[in-house]
Amino acid sequence: MRWKSHVRFGRRAGETDLLRGRHRAPVRSHLANEAINDARRRVQNATLHHRGHRDDPLYATRRLMTRAWERLSDRQREKLFDALRNGDPDGEVGAAILGKELLREMYAAENLAEARQRLAAFYAHARWAGVPEFNRLAKTVRAWESEILNFHVTGVSTGPVEAQNLITEKLRRIGHGFRNFANYRLRLLLHSGVEWDTRPTARIRGRHPRLVA
């Protein structure tokens, strides 16, 4: 086996050299998706006076609302428009969906100046729409604005670190917790800090269908 050179463990389990130079804030499109879902639930309860049912227009298209616009087919877009016409009388959910796409466009900007312009458009849309859930998101984005924009300066992301943190938490849950930190650190090192030179497992061949009675 070989130790991976980029993995180091200090006082905090799961801390790696990948943490250095990462300046992007923990604001992702999933926060915009959460704002969309919160707005959808509020509008749903206000118009139909119950939680989402399978045949309710907004509930039936909840997954389309959080999907990237360019990944929707023409049929899916038309279905989403029909749901908004039937279940979103004040256009609040539609405004939240548009705000999510504006935030995504900011991350897709090619340089810092363009990112600032797109972020300003996102703020303007949030003020114009007046959707409480999206105003909360805009407040969070503004609080982390400098860190978010640093992504367009450094060109790096915290994605690898967050992926390692997910593995760290998963190992802790599988072990039902670790009271001994040394054992916890060793378990993490053996899982994420080692390249194992193991032979592939032999494939188990089942009986031929002709031989089955």
Protein backbone atom coordinates (compact mmCIF):
# COMPACT_ATOMS: atom_id res chain seq x y z
CA MET A 1 0.00 0.00 0.00
CA ARG A 2 1.09 3.63 -0.53
CA TRP A 3 0.23 6.73 1.50
CA LYS A 4 -1.38 9.52 -0.49
CA SER A 5 0.90 12.54 -0.37
CA HIS A 6 -1.85 15.18 -0.05
CA VAL A 7 -3.44 13.69 3.07
CA ARG A 8 -2.36 15.10 6.42
CA PHE A 9 -4.10 14.85 9.77
CA GLY A 10 -3.80 17.46 12.45
CA ARG A 11 -5.99 18.24 15.44
CA ARG A 12 -9.17 17.92 13.41
CA ALA A 13 -10.00 14.60 11.81
CA GLY A 14 -10.31 14.82 8.05
CA GLU A 15 -8.13 17.92 7.68
CA THR A 16 -6.07 17.76 4.47
CA ASP A 17 -3.72 19.91 2.46
CA LEU A 18 -6.59 20.49 0.04
CA LEU A 19 -7.98 22.99 2.57
CA ARG A 20 -5.18 25.41 1.77
CA GLY A 21 -6.04 28.07 -0.75
CA ARG A 22 -9.77 27.30 -0.76
CA HIS A 23 -11.64 30.59 -0.49
CA ARG A 24 -14.99 29.76 -1.95
CA ALA A 25 -17.89 30.28 0.44
CA PRO A 26 -20.29 27.48 1.38
CA VAL A 27 -23.01 28.93 -0.85
CA ARG A 28 -24.11 26.58 -3.61
CA SER A 29 -27.10 26.24 -5.84
CA HIS A 30 -28.58 23.77 -3.35
CA LEU A 31 -29.35 26.75 -1.09
CA ALA A 32 -31.30 28.26 -3.96
CA ASN A 33 -33.09 24.93 -4.36
CA GLU A 34 -33.99 25.00 -0.68
CA ALA A 35 -35.42 28.50 -1.12
CA ILE A 36 -37.51 27.25 -4.06
CA ASN A 37 -38.83 24.33 -2.02
CA ASP A 38 -39.67 26.56 0.94
CA ALA A 39 -41.52 29.01 -1.32
CA ARG A 40 -43.35 26.16 -3.04
CA ARG A 41 -44.52 24.71 0.26
CA ARG A 42 -45.73 28.11 1.48
CA VAL A 43 -47.65 28.82 -1.71
CA GLN A 44 -49.02 25.28 -1.71
CA ASN A 45 -50.39 25.65 1.82
CA ALA A 46 -51.79 29.11 1.12
CA THR A 47 -53.66 28.10 -2.04
CA LEU A 48 -54.74 24.50 -1.32
CA HIS A 49 -54.58 24.49 2.50
CA HIS A 50 -52.76 21.17 2.68
CA ARG A 51 -49.37 19.66 2.10
CA GLY A 52 -48.35 18.52 -1.34
CA HIS A 53 -50.31 15.69 -2.91
CA ARG A 54 -49.30 13.65 -5.91
CA ASP A 55 -51.73 15.39 -8.26
CA ASP A 56 -51.06 18.94 -7.07
CA PRO A 57 -49.40 20.97 -9.86
CA LEU A 58 -46.55 22.39 -7.79
CA TYR A 59 -45.82 19.17 -5.92
CA ALA A 60 -45.89 17.10 -9.11
CA THR A 61 -43.19 19.28 -10.68
CA ARG A 62 -41.05 19.92 -7.60
CA ARG A 63 -38.05 18.10 -9.08
CA LEU A 64 -38.24 20.05 -12.32
CA MET A 65 -38.09 23.30 -10.36
CA THR A 66 -34.67 22.54 -8.92
CA ARG A 67 -33.15 21.04 -12.05
CA ALA A 68 -30.82 23.12 -14.21
CA TRP A 69 -32.81 24.89 -16.91
CA GLU A 70 -30.58 23.70 -19.74
CA ARG A 71 -31.16 20.09 -18.68
CA LEU A 72 -34.92 20.31 -19.10
CA SER A 73 -36.47 19.10 -22.32
CA ASP A 74 -39.09 21.15 -24.15
CA ARG A 75 -41.79 18.83 -22.81
CA GLN A 76 -40.55 19.24 -19.24
CA ARG A 77 -40.42 23.03 -19.58
CA GLU A 78 -43.98 23.13 -20.85
CA LYS A 79 -45.08 20.91 -17.98
CA LEU A 80 -43.39 23.26 -15.52
CA PHE A 81 -45.00 26.34 -17.09
CA ASP A 82 -48.43 24.68 -16.86
CA ALA A 83 -47.86 23.89 -13.19
CA LEU A 84 -46.86 27.46 -12.42
CA ARG A 85 -49.91 28.83 -14.25
CA ASN A 86 -52.21 26.55 -12.27
CA GLY A 87 -50.57 26.54 -8.85
CA ASP A 88 -48.58 29.76 -8.51
CA PRO A 89 -51.12 32.62 -8.76
CA ASP A 90 -48.75 35.38 -7.63
CA GLY A 91 -45.69 34.10 -9.49
CA GLU A 92 -43.59 33.70 -6.36
CA VAL A 93 -42.35 30.20 -7.12
CA GLY A 94 -41.56 31.19 -10.70
CA ALA A 95 -39.59 34.17 -9.42
CA ALA A 96 -37.62 31.89 -7.11
CA ILE A 97 -36.79 29.56 -10.01
CA LEU A 98 -35.57 32.50 -12.08
CA GLY A 99 -33.45 33.72 -9.16
CA LYS A 100 -31.83 30.31 -8.88
CA GLU A 101 -30.82 30.46 -12.53
CA LEU A 102 -29.40 33.97 -12.07
CA LEU A 103 -27.26 32.70 -9.21
CA ARG A 104 -26.03 29.81 -11.34
CA GLU A 105 -25.13 32.24 -14.11
CA MET A 106 -22.93 34.13 -11.66
CA TYR A 107 -20.87 31.01 -11.04
CA ALA A 108 -20.59 30.46 -14.79
CA ALA A 109 -19.10 33.92 -15.40
CA GLU A 110 -15.72 33.94 -17.16
CA ASN A 111 -14.11 36.67 -15.06
CA LEU A 112 -14.55 38.65 -11.84
CA ALA A 113 -16.09 41.73 -13.45
CA GLU A 114 -18.75 39.68 -15.20
CA ALA A 115 -19.45 37.78 -11.98
CA ARG A 116 -20.03 41.07 -10.13
CA GLN A 117 -22.50 42.18 -12.79
CA ARG A 118 -24.42 38.93 -12.66
CA LEU A 119 -24.47 39.00 -8.88
CA ALA A 120 -25.88 42.54 -9.01
CA ALA A 121 -28.61 41.24 -11.33
CA PHE A 122 -29.35 38.50 -8.79
CA TYR A 123 -29.71 41.07 -5.99
CA ALA A 124 -31.95 43.26 -8.15
CA HIS A 125 -34.19 40.33 -8.97
CA ALA A 126 -34.47 39.37 -5.28
CA ARG A 127 -35.54 42.93 -4.39
CA TRP A 128 -38.03 43.06 -7.25
CA ALA A 129 -39.58 39.65 -6.57
CA GLY A 130 -40.06 40.20 -2.85
CA VAL A 131 -40.19 36.47 -2.12
CA PRO A 132 -39.34 36.04 1.59
CA GLU A 133 -37.44 32.79 1.08
CA PHE A 134 -35.34 34.29 -1.69
CA ASN A 135 -34.69 37.48 0.24
CA ARG A 136 -33.21 35.26 2.93
CA LEU A 137 -30.98 33.61 0.34
CA ALA A 138 -29.88 36.99 -1.03
CA LYS A 139 -28.94 38.04 2.50
CA THR A 140 -26.80 34.92 2.89
CA VAL A 141 -25.12 35.47 -0.48
CA ARG A 142 -24.37 39.10 0.38
CA ALA A 143 -22.80 38.06 3.68
CA TRP A 144 -20.44 35.73 1.79
CA GLU A 145 -20.05 37.89 -1.31
CA SER A 146 -16.29 38.43 -1.12
CA GLU A 147 -15.66 34.72 -0.53
CA ILE A 148 -17.98 33.74 -3.37
CA LEU A 149 -16.34 36.12 -5.81
CA ASN A 150 -12.90 34.79 -4.84
CA PHE A 151 -13.84 31.69 -6.81
CA HIS A 152 -13.34 33.76 -9.95
CA VAL A 153 -9.91 34.86 -8.68
CA THR A 154 -8.47 31.55 -7.50
CA GLY A 155 -10.40 29.22 -9.79
CA VAL A 156 -10.59 26.57 -7.07
CA SER A 157 -13.46 25.00 -5.22
CA THR A 158 -14.04 23.37 -1.84
CA GLY A 159 -15.69 20.43 -3.58
CA PRO A 160 -12.86 17.91 -2.87
CA VAL A 161 -12.74 18.96 0.77
CA GLU A 162 -16.50 18.64 1.15
CA ALA A 163 -16.38 15.21 -0.47
CA GLN A 164 -13.75 14.09 2.04
CA ASN A 165 -15.81 15.52 4.88
CA LEU A 166 -18.78 13.46 3.69
CA ILE A 167 -16.63 10.32 3.80
CA THR A 168 -15.40 11.28 7.27
CA GLU A 169 -18.93 11.61 8.61
CA LYS A 170 -19.99 8.38 6.93
CA LEU A 171 -17.15 6.44 8.57
CA ARG A 172 -18.07 7.89 11.94
CA ARG A 173 -21.69 6.79 11.51
CA ILE A 174 -20.67 3.31 10.37
CA GLY A 175 -18.47 2.95 13.45
CA HIS A 176 -21.28 4.26 15.69
CA GLY A 177 -18.92 6.92 16.95
CA PHE A 178 -15.32 6.79 18.16
CA ARG A 179 -14.38 7.60 21.74
CA ASN A 180 -10.68 7.23 20.99
CA PHE A 181 -9.49 9.94 18.61
CA ALA A 182 -6.33 8.01 17.68
CA ASN A 183 -8.45 5.10 16.46
CA TYR A 184 -10.71 7.50 14.59
CA ARG A 185 -7.74 9.12 12.84
CA LEU A 186 -6.22 5.75 11.97
CA ARG A 187 -9.54 4.56 10.50
CA LEU A 188 -9.72 7.67 8.32
CA LEU A 189 -6.11 7.34 7.19
CA LEU A 190 -6.59 3.72 6.23
CA HIS A 191 -9.72 4.55 4.27
CA SER A 192 -8.77 7.84 2.57
CA GLY A 193 -5.01 8.16 2.91
CA VAL A 194 -3.87 4.84 1.46
CA GLU A 195 -3.80 3.46 -2.05
CA TRP A 196 -4.32 -0.25 -1.54
CA ASP A 197 -2.59 -2.63 -3.92
CA THR A 198 -5.18 -5.36 -3.68
CA ARG A 199 -6.04 -7.97 -6.23
CA PRO A 200 -9.52 -7.69 -7.74
CA THR A 201 -12.10 -10.02 -6.30
CA ALA A 202 -12.77 -13.07 -8.41
CA ARG A 203 -16.15 -13.01 -10.06
CA ILE A 204 -18.60 -15.61 -8.76
CA ARG A 205 -20.12 -17.49 -11.66
CA GLY A 206 -23.63 -18.81 -11.22
CA ARG A 207 -25.09 -21.92 -12.67
CA HIS A 208 -25.87 -21.99 -16.34
CA PRO A 209 -29.61 -21.44 -16.96
CA ARG A 210 -29.80 -24.72 -18.86
CA LEU A 211 -28.69 -26.61 -15.77
CA VAL A 212 -31.31 -25.07 -13.53
CA ALA A 213 -34.18 -27.46 -12.85
